[in-house]
Amino acid sequence: MTNAHRSRKSPRPWCELRDDERQACAGREQVVLVGTDDNERWTCPEHAAALWLTEPTLRFSAKSRQQAIAEAMRHAFGGGR
């Protein structure tokens, strides 16, 4: 047997803004927002909507799936679920 070392990345949190005491996250997709400093924020669609509406310099990363961005826009503009 070989002892091959596998590269194990620590998994990203599902939502960086999730509070374990108050789980206010909504949506099943993960959204990646990028600031002007190229810093990435990995969030749920509800938190992505809130960040995007309050910080105009944030943009959606190509790492976000279209469904995730659409879900964030529904949260931002009050669309149906």
N, C-alpha and C. Protein backbone atom coordinates (compact mmCIF):
# COMPACT_ATOMS: atom_id res chain seq x y z
N MET A 1 0.83 -1.18 0.00
CA MET A 1 0.00 0.00 0.00
C MET A 1 0.88 1.25 0.00
N THR A 2 0.35 2.24 -0.66
CA THR A 2 1.07 3.50 -0.67
C THR A 2 0.42 4.47 0.28
N ASN A 3 1.20 5.36 0.74
CA ASN A 3 0.69 6.41 1.63
C ASN A 3 0.61 7.72 0.87
N ALA A 4 -0.20 7.74 -0.13
CA ALA A 4 -0.34 8.95 -0.95
C ALA A 4 -1.01 10.04 -0.13
N HIS A 5 -0.43 11.20 -0.18
CA HIS A 5 -1.03 12.33 0.52
C HIS A 5 -2.04 13.00 -0.38
N ARG A 6 -3.19 13.14 0.12
CA ARG A 6 -4.24 13.81 -0.64
C ARG A 6 -4.32 15.26 -0.19
N SER A 7 -4.50 16.10 -1.17
CA SER A 7 -4.66 17.51 -0.87
C SER A 7 -6.06 17.72 -0.32
N ARG A 8 -6.11 18.16 0.90
CA ARG A 8 -7.42 18.40 1.52
C ARG A 8 -7.56 19.88 1.82
N LYS A 9 -8.41 20.50 1.08
CA LYS A 9 -8.71 21.90 1.37
C LYS A 9 -9.79 21.91 2.43
N SER A 10 -9.69 22.84 3.33
CA SER A 10 -10.77 22.97 4.29
C SER A 10 -11.96 23.54 3.54
N PRO A 11 -13.13 22.97 3.73
CA PRO A 11 -14.28 23.45 2.98
C PRO A 11 -14.64 24.88 3.36
N ARG A 12 -15.07 25.62 2.37
CA ARG A 12 -15.51 26.99 2.64
C ARG A 12 -16.80 26.93 3.45
N PRO A 13 -16.99 27.91 4.31
CA PRO A 13 -18.27 27.94 5.01
C PRO A 13 -19.39 28.16 4.02
N TRP A 14 -20.54 27.59 4.31
CA TRP A 14 -21.66 27.74 3.40
C TRP A 14 -22.00 29.22 3.25
N CYS A 15 -21.99 29.96 4.33
CA CYS A 15 -22.22 31.40 4.29
C CYS A 15 -21.31 32.05 5.34
N GLU A 16 -20.46 32.95 4.89
CA GLU A 16 -19.54 33.60 5.82
C GLU A 16 -20.25 34.45 6.86
N LEU A 17 -21.45 34.87 6.57
CA LEU A 17 -22.18 35.76 7.48
C LEU A 17 -23.15 35.01 8.39
N ARG A 18 -23.16 33.70 8.29
CA ARG A 18 -24.08 32.91 9.10
C ARG A 18 -23.69 33.00 10.56
N ASP A 19 -24.68 33.22 11.38
CA ASP A 19 -24.50 33.28 12.82
C ASP A 19 -25.13 32.01 13.39
N ASP A 20 -24.36 31.21 14.06
CA ASP A 20 -24.87 29.94 14.58
C ASP A 20 -26.02 30.12 15.56
N GLU A 21 -26.06 31.27 16.23
CA GLU A 21 -27.14 31.52 17.17
C GLU A 21 -28.42 31.95 16.46
N ARG A 22 -28.27 32.72 15.40
CA ARG A 22 -29.42 33.19 14.62
C ARG A 22 -29.19 32.81 13.17
N GLN A 23 -29.68 31.70 12.77
CA GLN A 23 -29.46 31.21 11.42
C GLN A 23 -30.43 31.88 10.45
N ALA A 24 -30.05 33.05 9.98
CA ALA A 24 -30.92 33.85 9.12
C ALA A 24 -30.64 33.61 7.63
N CYS A 25 -29.83 32.62 7.33
CA CYS A 25 -29.50 32.38 5.93
C CYS A 25 -30.71 31.82 5.19
N ALA A 26 -30.83 32.23 3.94
CA ALA A 26 -31.92 31.72 3.11
C ALA A 26 -31.39 31.44 1.73
N GLY A 27 -31.90 30.40 1.13
CA GLY A 27 -31.47 30.01 -0.20
C GLY A 27 -30.54 28.83 -0.13
N ARG A 28 -30.52 28.06 -1.20
CA ARG A 28 -29.72 26.84 -1.21
C ARG A 28 -28.42 26.98 -1.99
N GLU A 29 -28.31 28.00 -2.80
CA GLU A 29 -27.12 28.19 -3.63
C GLU A 29 -26.09 29.03 -2.87
N GLN A 30 -24.84 28.92 -3.28
CA GLN A 30 -23.78 29.74 -2.70
C GLN A 30 -23.42 30.83 -3.70
N VAL A 31 -23.37 32.06 -3.21
CA VAL A 31 -23.08 33.22 -4.05
C VAL A 31 -21.70 33.75 -3.66
N VAL A 32 -20.92 34.12 -4.67
CA VAL A 32 -19.60 34.70 -4.43
C VAL A 32 -19.63 36.14 -4.93
N LEU A 33 -19.40 37.07 -4.01
CA LEU A 33 -19.31 38.49 -4.35
C LEU A 33 -17.85 38.91 -4.24
N VAL A 34 -17.44 39.82 -5.12
CA VAL A 34 -16.05 40.28 -5.15
C VAL A 34 -16.03 41.79 -5.03
N GLY A 35 -15.17 42.28 -4.16
CA GLY A 35 -15.03 43.72 -3.98
C GLY A 35 -13.95 44.29 -4.88
N THR A 36 -13.76 45.58 -4.83
CA THR A 36 -12.75 46.24 -5.66
C THR A 36 -11.34 45.81 -5.28
N ASP A 37 -11.18 45.29 -4.07
CA ASP A 37 -9.87 44.80 -3.62
C ASP A 37 -9.68 43.32 -3.96
N ASP A 38 -10.60 42.76 -4.76
CA ASP A 38 -10.59 41.35 -5.17
C ASP A 38 -10.80 40.39 -4.01
N ASN A 39 -11.28 40.88 -2.90
CA ASN A 39 -11.60 40.03 -1.76
C ASN A 39 -12.95 39.36 -2.01
N GLU A 40 -13.01 38.04 -1.86
CA GLU A 40 -14.24 37.29 -2.11
C GLU A 40 -15.04 37.12 -0.83
N ARG A 41 -16.36 37.22 -0.99
CA ARG A 41 -17.30 36.94 0.11
C ARG A 41 -18.20 35.80 -0.34
N TRP A 42 -18.19 34.68 0.35
CA TRP A 42 -19.00 33.51 0.03
C TRP A 42 -20.20 33.54 0.96
N THR A 43 -21.39 33.71 0.37
CA THR A 43 -22.59 33.88 1.18
C THR A 43 -23.78 33.13 0.60
N CYS A 44 -24.84 33.10 1.39
CA CYS A 44 -26.11 32.58 0.91
C CYS A 44 -26.76 33.69 0.07
N PRO A 45 -27.78 33.36 -0.72
CA PRO A 45 -28.41 34.39 -1.56
C PRO A 45 -29.01 35.56 -0.77
N GLU A 46 -29.58 35.29 0.40
CA GLU A 46 -30.18 36.38 1.16
C GLU A 46 -29.12 37.37 1.64
N HIS A 47 -28.03 36.88 2.19
CA HIS A 47 -26.95 37.78 2.61
C HIS A 47 -26.28 38.44 1.41
N ALA A 48 -26.16 37.73 0.30
CA ALA A 48 -25.59 38.33 -0.91
C ALA A 48 -26.44 39.51 -1.37
N ALA A 49 -27.76 39.35 -1.33
CA ALA A 49 -28.66 40.44 -1.72
C ALA A 49 -28.46 41.65 -0.83
N ALA A 50 -28.38 41.42 0.47
CA ALA A 50 -28.20 42.53 1.41
C ALA A 50 -26.86 43.23 1.19
N LEU A 51 -25.80 42.45 1.00
CA LEU A 51 -24.49 43.06 0.75
C LEU A 51 -24.48 43.83 -0.56
N TRP A 52 -25.03 43.22 -1.60
CA TRP A 52 -25.03 43.83 -2.93
C TRP A 52 -25.81 45.14 -2.94
N LEU A 53 -26.93 45.18 -2.21
CA LEU A 53 -27.74 46.40 -2.17
C LEU A 53 -27.09 47.51 -1.35
N THR A 54 -26.29 47.15 -0.35
CA THR A 54 -25.70 48.17 0.52
C THR A 54 -24.27 48.54 0.12
N GLU A 55 -23.63 47.75 -0.69
CA GLU A 55 -22.26 48.03 -1.12
C GLU A 55 -22.19 48.01 -2.65
N PRO A 56 -22.30 49.17 -3.29
CA PRO A 56 -22.40 49.23 -4.75
C PRO A 56 -21.13 48.78 -5.49
N THR A 57 -20.00 48.65 -4.81
CA THR A 57 -18.78 48.24 -5.50
C THR A 57 -18.68 46.72 -5.65
N LEU A 58 -19.53 45.97 -4.96
CA LEU A 58 -19.48 44.51 -5.06
C LEU A 58 -20.04 44.04 -6.40
N ARG A 59 -19.45 42.98 -6.91
CA ARG A 59 -19.94 42.38 -8.15
C ARG A 59 -20.02 40.87 -7.95
N PHE A 60 -20.85 40.24 -8.75
CA PHE A 60 -21.00 38.80 -8.67
C PHE A 60 -19.83 38.14 -9.40
N SER A 61 -19.25 37.14 -8.78
CA SER A 61 -18.13 36.41 -9.37
C SER A 61 -18.65 35.36 -10.35
N ALA A 62 -17.82 35.02 -11.31
CA ALA A 62 -18.15 33.94 -12.24
C ALA A 62 -18.19 32.60 -11.52
N LYS A 63 -17.70 32.55 -10.29
CA LYS A 63 -17.78 31.33 -9.48
C LYS A 63 -19.21 31.07 -9.01
N SER A 64 -20.06 32.08 -9.08
CA SER A 64 -21.47 31.92 -8.69
C SER A 64 -22.25 31.34 -9.86
N ARG A 65 -23.08 30.38 -9.56
CA ARG A 65 -23.94 29.82 -10.60
C ARG A 65 -25.05 30.81 -10.92
N GLN A 66 -25.59 30.74 -12.13
CA GLN A 66 -26.67 31.64 -12.54
C GLN A 66 -27.86 31.53 -11.60
N GLN A 67 -28.18 30.31 -11.17
CA GLN A 67 -29.31 30.11 -10.27
C GLN A 67 -29.08 30.84 -8.94
N ALA A 68 -27.84 30.87 -8.48
CA ALA A 68 -27.52 31.55 -7.23
C ALA A 68 -27.71 33.05 -7.37
N ILE A 69 -27.26 33.60 -8.47
CA ILE A 69 -27.42 35.04 -8.71
C ILE A 69 -28.89 35.38 -8.86
N ALA A 70 -29.64 34.55 -9.58
CA ALA A 70 -31.08 34.79 -9.75
C ALA A 70 -31.79 34.76 -8.40
N GLU A 71 -31.40 33.82 -7.55
CA GLU A 71 -32.01 33.74 -6.22
C GLU A 71 -31.67 34.96 -5.38
N ALA A 72 -30.44 35.44 -5.48
CA ALA A 72 -30.05 36.66 -4.76
C ALA A 72 -30.85 37.86 -5.26
N MET A 73 -31.08 37.95 -6.56
CA MET A 73 -31.86 39.05 -7.12
C MET A 73 -33.32 38.98 -6.65
N ARG A 74 -33.85 37.79 -6.53
CA ARG A 74 -35.23 37.65 -6.01
C ARG A 74 -35.29 38.18 -4.58
N HIS A 75 -34.27 37.89 -3.78
CA HIS A 75 -34.24 38.41 -2.42
C HIS A 75 -34.07 39.92 -2.42
N ALA A 76 -33.25 40.43 -3.32
CA ALA A 76 -32.98 41.87 -3.37
C ALA A 76 -34.21 42.67 -3.78
N PHE A 77 -34.97 42.13 -4.72
CA PHE A 77 -36.09 42.89 -5.28
C PHE A 77 -37.46 42.35 -4.90
N GLY A 78 -37.49 41.43 -3.93
CA GLY A 78 -38.76 40.97 -3.39
C GLY A 78 -39.55 40.04 -4.28
N GLY A 79 -38.90 39.32 -5.16
CA GLY A 79 -39.60 38.37 -6.01
C GLY A 79 -40.07 37.16 -5.23
N GLY A 80 -40.99 36.41 -5.81
CA GLY A 80 -41.50 35.21 -5.16
C GLY A 80 -40.45 34.14 -5.06
N ARG A 81 -40.66 33.24 -4.13
CA ARG A 81 -39.69 32.16 -3.91
C ARG A 81 -40.01 30.97 -4.75
